[in-house]
């Protein structure tokens, strides 16, 4: 039986949204479980060859894959047209470029 890849990707995208919302809810009670939800979401995305949606890319650390909450276990700064996210779990930085629209504001 042939797999319907577009349908699979749609289902995985929905599951990723659910997992990140659950990670946000449970973060204050159990950080390990929220990190596990991020890990599961990444594995699902890799399984169907889906890039992680942009809104979720900044919510986890690219190095230790822990769920990030600004002010609690991460620091977010804007400097020289870049967003700098510092993970307090693994002590690493990730940088993303601000869009031209955001810079003008």
N, C-alpha and C. Protein backbone atom coordinates (compact mmCIF):
# COMPACT_ATOMS: atom_id res chain seq x y z
N UNK A 1 0.84 -1.18 0.00
CA UNK A 1 0.00 0.00 0.00
C UNK A 1 0.89 1.25 0.00
N UNK A 2 0.54 2.21 -0.82
CA UNK A 2 1.33 3.42 -0.97
C UNK A 2 1.02 4.42 0.13
N UNK A 3 2.08 5.06 0.65
CA UNK A 3 1.92 6.06 1.71
C UNK A 3 1.58 7.42 1.11
N UNK A 4 0.67 8.11 1.77
CA UNK A 4 0.30 9.45 1.35
C UNK A 4 1.15 10.44 2.17
N UNK A 5 2.24 10.91 1.57
CA UNK A 5 3.22 11.72 2.30
C UNK A 5 2.66 13.07 2.73
N UNK A 6 1.84 13.69 1.90
CA UNK A 6 1.30 15.00 2.27
C UNK A 6 0.36 14.88 3.47
N UNK A 7 -0.41 13.80 3.50
CA UNK A 7 -1.30 13.58 4.63
C UNK A 7 -0.50 13.30 5.90
N UNK A 8 0.57 12.52 5.78
CA UNK A 8 1.44 12.23 6.92
C UNK A 8 2.05 13.51 7.48
N UNK A 9 2.54 14.37 6.59
CA UNK A 9 3.17 15.62 7.02
C UNK A 9 2.16 16.52 7.73
N UNK A 10 0.93 16.53 7.25
CA UNK A 10 -0.12 17.34 7.88
C UNK A 10 -0.40 16.84 9.29
N UNK A 11 -0.47 15.52 9.45
CA UNK A 11 -0.72 14.93 10.76
C UNK A 11 0.44 15.22 11.71
N UNK A 12 1.67 15.09 11.22
CA UNK A 12 2.85 15.35 12.05
C UNK A 12 2.91 16.81 12.45
N UNK A 13 2.56 17.72 11.55
CA UNK A 13 2.55 19.15 11.88
C UNK A 13 1.57 19.44 13.02
N UNK A 14 0.40 18.80 12.97
CA UNK A 14 -0.58 18.96 14.04
C UNK A 14 -0.05 18.40 15.35
N UNK A 15 0.60 17.24 15.29
CA UNK A 15 1.15 16.63 16.49
C UNK A 15 2.24 17.48 17.11
N UNK A 16 3.07 18.10 16.26
CA UNK A 16 4.14 18.98 16.75
C UNK A 16 3.53 20.16 17.50
N UNK A 17 2.46 20.74 16.95
CA UNK A 17 1.77 21.85 17.63
C UNK A 17 1.25 21.41 18.99
N UNK A 18 0.66 20.22 19.05
CA UNK A 18 0.13 19.70 20.31
C UNK A 18 1.26 19.48 21.31
N UNK A 19 2.37 18.87 20.85
CA UNK A 19 3.48 18.59 21.75
C UNK A 19 4.09 19.86 22.32
N UNK A 20 4.25 20.90 21.49
CA UNK A 20 4.81 22.16 21.99
C UNK A 20 3.85 22.88 22.93
N UNK A 21 2.55 22.77 22.68
CA UNK A 21 1.60 23.39 23.62
C UNK A 21 1.61 22.65 24.96
N UNK A 22 1.73 21.33 24.92
CA UNK A 22 1.82 20.55 26.16
C UNK A 22 3.13 20.85 26.89
N UNK A 23 4.21 21.03 26.14
CA UNK A 23 5.51 21.37 26.75
C UNK A 23 5.42 22.71 27.46
N UNK A 24 4.71 23.66 26.87
CA UNK A 24 4.55 24.98 27.49
C UNK A 24 3.72 24.88 28.77
N UNK A 25 2.68 24.03 28.75
CA UNK A 25 1.81 23.89 29.91
C UNK A 25 2.54 23.26 31.10
N UNK A 26 3.33 22.24 30.82
CA UNK A 26 3.92 21.44 31.89
C UNK A 26 5.30 21.91 32.32
N UNK A 27 5.85 22.91 31.64
CA UNK A 27 7.23 23.34 31.91
C UNK A 27 7.46 23.71 33.37
N UNK A 28 6.54 24.44 33.98
CA UNK A 28 6.74 24.89 35.35
C UNK A 28 6.71 23.74 36.35
N UNK A 29 5.99 22.67 36.03
CA UNK A 29 5.90 21.52 36.94
C UNK A 29 7.00 20.50 36.71
N UNK A 30 7.30 20.21 35.43
CA UNK A 30 8.23 19.13 35.11
C UNK A 30 9.03 19.48 33.86
N UNK A 31 10.24 20.01 34.05
CA UNK A 31 11.07 20.43 32.92
C UNK A 31 11.52 19.25 32.07
N UNK A 32 11.78 18.10 32.70
CA UNK A 32 12.25 16.93 31.95
C UNK A 32 11.19 16.44 30.96
N UNK A 33 9.93 16.49 31.39
CA UNK A 33 8.86 16.05 30.50
C UNK A 33 8.69 17.00 29.32
N UNK A 34 8.82 18.31 29.57
CA UNK A 34 8.70 19.26 28.46
C UNK A 34 9.86 19.08 27.48
N UNK A 35 11.05 18.77 28.00
CA UNK A 35 12.18 18.48 27.12
C UNK A 35 11.93 17.21 26.31
N UNK A 36 11.27 16.24 26.93
CA UNK A 36 10.94 14.99 26.23
C UNK A 36 9.95 15.26 25.11
N UNK A 37 8.98 16.15 25.33
CA UNK A 37 8.02 16.50 24.29
C UNK A 37 8.72 17.12 23.08
N UNK A 38 9.71 17.96 23.34
CA UNK A 38 10.48 18.57 22.25
C UNK A 38 11.24 17.48 21.49
N UNK A 39 11.82 16.55 22.23
CA UNK A 39 12.56 15.45 21.61
C UNK A 39 11.64 14.62 20.70
N UNK A 40 10.44 14.31 21.17
CA UNK A 40 9.48 13.53 20.38
C UNK A 40 9.06 14.31 19.13
N UNK A 41 8.83 15.62 19.29
CA UNK A 41 8.43 16.44 18.14
C UNK A 41 9.52 16.46 17.08
N UNK A 42 10.78 16.57 17.51
CA UNK A 42 11.89 16.55 16.56
C UNK A 42 11.98 15.21 15.83
N UNK A 43 11.83 14.12 16.56
CA UNK A 43 11.89 12.78 15.96
C UNK A 43 10.77 12.59 14.93
N UNK A 44 9.57 13.06 15.26
CA UNK A 44 8.46 12.96 14.32
C UNK A 44 8.75 13.74 13.04
N UNK A 45 9.27 14.96 13.20
CA UNK A 45 9.57 15.79 12.04
C UNK A 45 10.65 15.14 11.16
N UNK A 46 11.65 14.54 11.79
CA UNK A 46 12.71 13.89 11.03
C UNK A 46 12.20 12.64 10.32
N UNK A 47 11.26 11.95 10.92
CA UNK A 47 10.74 10.71 10.36
C UNK A 47 10.04 10.93 9.02
N UNK A 48 9.31 12.04 8.89
CA UNK A 48 8.60 12.33 7.64
C UNK A 48 9.30 13.40 6.80
N UNK A 49 10.55 13.75 7.18
CA UNK A 49 11.36 14.72 6.45
C UNK A 49 10.65 16.08 6.38
N UNK A 50 10.24 16.56 7.53
CA UNK A 50 9.54 17.83 7.65
C UNK A 50 10.42 18.80 8.43
N UNK A 51 10.61 20.00 7.88
CA UNK A 51 11.37 20.98 8.64
C UNK A 51 10.47 21.53 9.75
N UNK A 52 11.09 21.80 10.88
CA UNK A 52 10.34 22.28 12.04
C UNK A 52 9.73 23.65 11.70
N UNK A 53 8.44 23.85 11.98
CA UNK A 53 7.82 25.15 11.71
C UNK A 53 8.56 26.29 12.41
N UNK A 54 8.60 27.44 11.77
CA UNK A 54 9.39 28.58 12.22
C UNK A 54 9.06 29.03 13.64
N UNK A 55 7.80 28.98 14.00
CA UNK A 55 7.41 29.46 15.34
C UNK A 55 7.95 28.56 16.45
N UNK A 56 8.22 27.30 16.14
CA UNK A 56 8.74 26.37 17.15
C UNK A 56 10.26 26.30 17.16
N UNK A 57 10.91 26.77 16.12
CA UNK A 57 12.36 26.67 16.04
C UNK A 57 13.05 27.44 17.17
N UNK A 58 12.48 28.54 17.58
CA UNK A 58 13.09 29.36 18.63
C UNK A 58 12.68 28.93 20.03
N UNK A 59 11.83 27.93 20.13
CA UNK A 59 11.34 27.50 21.44
C UNK A 59 12.17 26.38 22.05
N UNK A 60 13.16 25.89 21.33
CA UNK A 60 14.03 24.86 21.90
C UNK A 60 15.48 25.13 21.52
N UNK A 61 16.40 24.61 22.33
CA UNK A 61 17.83 24.80 22.10
C UNK A 61 18.30 23.85 21.00
N UNK A 62 19.08 24.37 20.06
CA UNK A 62 19.56 23.55 18.95
C UNK A 62 20.69 22.61 19.37
N UNK A 63 21.23 22.82 20.56
CA UNK A 63 22.38 22.01 21.00
C UNK A 63 21.96 20.92 21.98
N UNK A 64 21.19 21.28 23.00
CA UNK A 64 20.79 20.28 24.01
C UNK A 64 19.32 19.87 23.87
N UNK A 65 18.59 20.50 22.94
CA UNK A 65 17.19 20.19 22.64
C UNK A 65 16.26 20.33 23.84
N UNK A 66 16.56 21.26 24.71
CA UNK A 66 15.67 21.50 25.85
C UNK A 66 14.69 22.61 25.49
N UNK A 67 13.49 22.53 26.07
CA UNK A 67 12.46 23.54 25.84
C UNK A 67 12.90 24.83 26.52
N UNK A 68 12.84 25.94 25.81
CA UNK A 68 13.32 27.22 26.34
C UNK A 68 12.17 28.12 26.74
N UNK A 69 12.28 28.68 27.94
CA UNK A 69 11.34 29.68 28.43
C UNK A 69 12.16 30.91 28.77
N UNK A 70 12.01 32.02 28.02
CA UNK A 70 12.80 33.22 28.28
C UNK A 70 12.63 33.71 29.71
N UNK A 71 13.77 34.00 30.33
CA UNK A 71 13.77 34.47 31.70
C UNK A 71 13.93 33.37 32.72
N UNK A 72 13.58 32.13 32.35
CA UNK A 72 13.70 31.01 33.28
C UNK A 72 14.97 30.21 32.98
N UNK A 73 15.04 29.65 31.77
CA UNK A 73 16.24 28.89 31.42
C UNK A 73 16.88 29.38 30.12
N UNK A 74 16.50 30.58 29.70
CA UNK A 74 17.13 31.18 28.51
C UNK A 74 17.07 32.70 28.61
N UNK A 75 17.95 33.34 27.84
CA UNK A 75 17.96 34.79 27.75
C UNK A 75 17.85 35.16 26.29
N UNK A 76 17.00 36.11 25.97
CA UNK A 76 16.80 36.55 24.58
C UNK A 76 17.20 38.02 24.49
N UNK A 77 18.10 38.31 23.54
CA UNK A 77 18.53 39.69 23.32
C UNK A 77 18.46 39.99 21.83
N UNK A 78 18.32 41.27 21.50
CA UNK A 78 18.38 41.71 20.11
C UNK A 78 19.56 42.64 20.00
N UNK A 79 20.47 42.33 19.07
CA UNK A 79 21.69 43.11 18.93
C UNK A 79 22.17 43.04 17.49
N UNK A 80 22.45 44.21 16.91
CA UNK A 80 23.00 44.32 15.55
C UNK A 80 22.17 43.56 14.52
N UNK A 81 20.85 43.63 14.64
CA UNK A 81 19.98 42.98 13.66
C UNK A 81 19.89 41.48 13.81
N UNK A 82 20.27 40.96 14.97
CA UNK A 82 20.20 39.52 15.22
C UNK A 82 19.47 39.27 16.53
N UNK A 83 18.76 38.14 16.59
CA UNK A 83 18.17 37.68 17.84
C UNK A 83 19.14 36.67 18.42
N UNK A 84 19.61 36.93 19.63
CA UNK A 84 20.58 36.04 20.28
C UNK A 84 19.86 35.35 21.44
N UNK A 85 19.80 34.03 21.38
CA UNK A 85 19.16 33.23 22.42
C UNK A 85 20.25 32.45 23.14
N UNK A 86 20.35 32.68 24.45
CA UNK A 86 21.35 32.00 25.28
C UNK A 86 20.65 30.95 26.13
N UNK A 87 21.07 29.70 25.99
CA UNK A 87 20.51 28.60 26.77
C UNK A 87 21.31 28.46 28.06
N UNK A 88 20.62 28.54 29.18
CA UNK A 88 21.29 28.42 30.47
C UNK A 88 21.53 26.96 30.87
N UNK A 89 20.92 26.03 30.13
CA UNK A 89 21.11 24.60 30.41
C UNK A 89 22.48 24.13 29.90
N UNK A 90 22.80 24.45 28.64
CA UNK A 90 24.06 23.98 28.05
C UNK A 90 25.07 25.11 27.84
N UNK A 91 24.70 26.34 28.18
CA UNK A 91 25.59 27.51 28.09
C UNK A 91 26.02 27.83 26.65
N UNK A 92 25.11 27.68 25.69
CA UNK A 92 25.44 27.97 24.30
C UNK A 92 24.50 29.03 23.75
N UNK A 93 24.96 29.70 22.70
CA UNK A 93 24.21 30.75 22.03
C UNK A 93 23.69 30.24 20.69
N UNK A 94 22.53 30.73 20.29
CA UNK A 94 22.06 30.53 18.92
C UNK A 94 21.63 31.89 18.40
N UNK A 95 21.97 32.17 17.18
CA UNK A 95 21.68 33.48 16.60
C UNK A 95 20.82 33.32 15.35
N UNK A 96 19.81 34.17 15.22
CA UNK A 96 18.99 34.22 14.01
C UNK A 96 18.89 35.67 13.57
N UNK A 97 18.81 35.86 12.29
CA UNK A 97 18.75 37.20 11.72
C UNK A 97 17.33 37.74 11.81
N UNK A 98 17.21 38.99 12.21
CA UNK A 98 15.91 39.65 12.22
C UNK A 98 15.51 39.97 10.78
N UNK A 99 14.22 39.89 10.49
CA UNK A 99 13.76 40.22 9.15
C UNK A 99 13.83 41.74 8.93
N UNK A 100 13.81 42.16 7.71
CA UNK A 100 13.89 43.58 7.37
C UNK A 100 12.67 44.34 7.92
N UNK A 101 11.50 43.69 7.96
CA UNK A 101 10.30 44.33 8.47
C UNK A 101 10.44 44.65 9.94
N UNK A 102 11.03 43.72 10.70
CA UNK A 102 11.18 43.92 12.14
C UNK A 102 12.21 44.99 12.46
N UNK A 103 13.22 45.14 11.62
CA UNK A 103 14.27 46.12 11.88
C UNK A 103 13.76 47.55 11.75
N UNK A 104 12.80 47.78 10.85
CA UNK A 104 12.31 49.13 10.60
C UNK A 104 11.46 49.67 11.75
N UNK A 105 10.88 48.79 12.53
CA UNK A 105 9.97 49.22 13.62
C UNK A 105 10.67 49.86 14.75
